[in-house]
Amino acid sequence: MANKRRLKKNIHAICGDIASECAVTAAYIQGSDEKRLSEAIVKTAALLSDSMERLSISFDHTPKDFENKAEYNKARRSYYRKAYKAFSESFEKEVLEILHELNSSLPKKN
C-alpha cells in the first residue's frame, strides 16, 4: 500500500487524464456525442472530489485501547488494508463506468 500523498496524486492524474480525453474527443472527433462526454467530465470531477473525501480516513483507536503496541499495530494495519481495498475496488468500478461512457459516445464505424 502506498501512502496517502502518492494515492492522491495518482487519483488526480487518473481523473485529469479521463477528463482531458473526454474534452479532446468532444473537440476533435466528428460525430461524437458531446452531451455524454460533458456528462462524463462532470462524473469524473465528482469522482475526484468524492475520492479525496473518502481517502482521508483515520484509525479511531489509540494504543491505550490495546494490551500492547504490537496488537495496536496489527489492528491498525488490518483496518487500513481493508479500507484501502474497498476504496480501490469502488474507485476502479467508477472509472470503468466513466470509460465505458466515453467509449460509447464515439461514433460507430461503418
Protein backbone atom coordinates (compact mmCIF):
# COMPACT_ATOMS: atom_id res chain seq x y z
CA MET A 1 0.00 0.00 0.00
CA ALA A 2 1.31 3.41 -0.92
CA ASN A 3 0.99 6.43 1.30
CA LYS A 4 -1.98 8.79 1.08
CA ARG A 5 0.00 11.50 -0.64
CA ARG A 6 1.02 9.22 -3.52
CA LEU A 7 -2.52 7.81 -3.81
CA LYS A 8 -4.00 11.30 -4.01
CA LYS A 9 -1.52 12.29 -6.72
CA ASN A 10 -2.41 9.14 -8.71
CA ILE A 11 -6.13 9.82 -8.35
CA HIS A 12 -5.64 13.40 -9.58
CA ALA A 13 -3.64 12.12 -12.55
CA ILE A 14 -6.19 9.44 -13.48
CA CYS A 15 -9.16 11.79 -13.24
CA GLY A 16 -7.29 14.52 -15.14
CA ASP A 17 -6.40 12.11 -17.92
CA ILE A 18 -10.00 10.91 -18.23
CA ALA A 19 -11.35 14.47 -18.32
CA SER A 20 -8.82 15.55 -20.93
CA GLU A 21 -9.60 12.52 -23.11
CA CYS A 22 -13.29 13.45 -22.96
CA ALA A 23 -12.55 17.06 -23.89
CA VAL A 24 -10.25 16.12 -26.77
CA THR A 25 -12.78 13.58 -28.06
CA ALA A 26 -15.58 16.16 -27.96
CA ALA A 27 -13.45 18.76 -29.73
CA TYR A 28 -11.76 16.73 -32.44
CA ILE A 29 -13.79 13.63 -33.26
CA GLN A 30 -16.67 14.36 -35.60
CA GLY A 31 -19.94 12.65 -34.70
CA SER A 32 -19.12 12.11 -31.03
CA ASP A 33 -21.90 12.69 -28.52
CA GLU A 34 -20.78 15.93 -26.86
CA LYS A 35 -23.55 15.85 -24.26
CA ARG A 36 -22.49 12.42 -22.99
CA LEU A 37 -18.86 13.50 -22.99
CA SER A 38 -19.61 16.59 -20.92
CA GLU A 39 -21.57 14.39 -18.51
CA ALA A 40 -18.55 12.10 -18.28
CA ILE A 41 -16.37 15.10 -17.39
CA VAL A 42 -18.80 16.08 -14.65
CA LYS A 43 -18.81 12.50 -13.33
CA THR A 44 -15.02 12.50 -13.36
CA ALA A 45 -14.92 15.72 -11.33
CA ALA A 46 -17.42 14.26 -8.87
CA LEU A 47 -15.35 11.07 -8.64
CA LEU A 48 -12.24 13.12 -7.88
CA SER A 49 -13.96 15.12 -5.17
CA ASP A 50 -15.61 12.07 -3.62
CA SER A 51 -12.39 10.07 -3.73
CA MET A 52 -10.41 12.77 -1.94
CA GLU A 53 -13.00 12.83 0.85
CA ARG A 54 -13.15 9.05 1.18
CA LEU A 55 -9.38 8.69 1.16
CA SER A 56 -8.95 10.91 4.21
CA ILE A 57 -9.61 8.24 6.82
CA SER A 58 -8.05 7.61 10.20
CA PHE A 59 -7.89 4.76 12.66
CA ASP A 60 -10.19 5.63 15.57
CA HIS A 61 -8.34 3.79 18.35
CA THR A 62 -5.29 4.66 20.39
CA PRO A 63 -2.52 2.39 21.68
CA LYS A 64 -4.08 2.61 25.15
CA ASP A 65 -7.11 0.68 23.83
CA PHE A 66 -4.93 -2.42 23.34
CA GLU A 67 -2.85 -4.56 25.65
CA ASN A 68 0.40 -3.78 23.84
CA LYS A 69 1.82 -1.88 20.90
CA ALA A 70 2.01 -4.98 18.69
CA GLU A 71 -1.76 -5.60 18.91
CA TYR A 72 -2.42 -1.94 18.16
CA ASN A 73 -0.17 -2.04 15.08
CA LYS A 74 -1.78 -5.25 13.86
CA ALA A 75 -5.30 -3.85 14.23
CA ARG A 76 -4.28 -0.58 12.59
CA ARG A 77 -2.70 -2.30 9.58
CA SER A 78 -5.73 -4.54 9.18
CA TYR A 79 -8.08 -1.56 9.32
CA TYR A 80 -6.17 0.41 6.68
CA ARG A 81 -5.72 -2.64 4.45
CA LYS A 82 -9.48 -3.29 4.40
CA ALA A 83 -10.33 0.38 3.94
CA TYR A 84 -7.95 0.88 1.02
CA LYS A 85 -9.00 -2.35 -0.63
CA ALA A 86 -12.66 -1.29 -0.51
CA PHE A 87 -11.70 2.18 -1.76
CA SER A 88 -9.63 0.76 -4.60
CA GLU A 89 -12.39 -1.57 -5.77
CA SER A 90 -15.05 1.14 -5.79
CA PHE A 91 -12.74 3.66 -7.48
CA GLU A 92 -11.84 1.19 -10.21
CA LYS A 93 -15.51 0.35 -10.78
CA GLU A 94 -16.43 4.02 -11.17
CA VAL A 95 -13.50 4.69 -13.50
CA LEU A 96 -14.54 1.77 -15.71
CA GLU A 97 -18.10 3.10 -15.86
CA ILE A 98 -16.85 6.52 -16.98
CA LEU A 99 -14.55 4.96 -19.59
CA HIS A 100 -17.44 2.85 -20.88
CA GLU A 101 -19.49 6.03 -21.27
CA LEU A 102 -16.57 7.69 -23.08
CA ASN A 103 -16.22 4.78 -25.48
CA SER A 104 -19.96 4.55 -26.13
CA SER A 105 -20.08 8.24 -27.07
CA LEU A 106 -17.75 7.68 -30.01
CA PRO A 107 -19.33 7.45 -33.46
CA LYS A 108 -19.91 3.99 -34.87
CA LYS A 109 -17.66 2.95 -37.74
CA ASN A 110 -19.36 1.91 -40.97
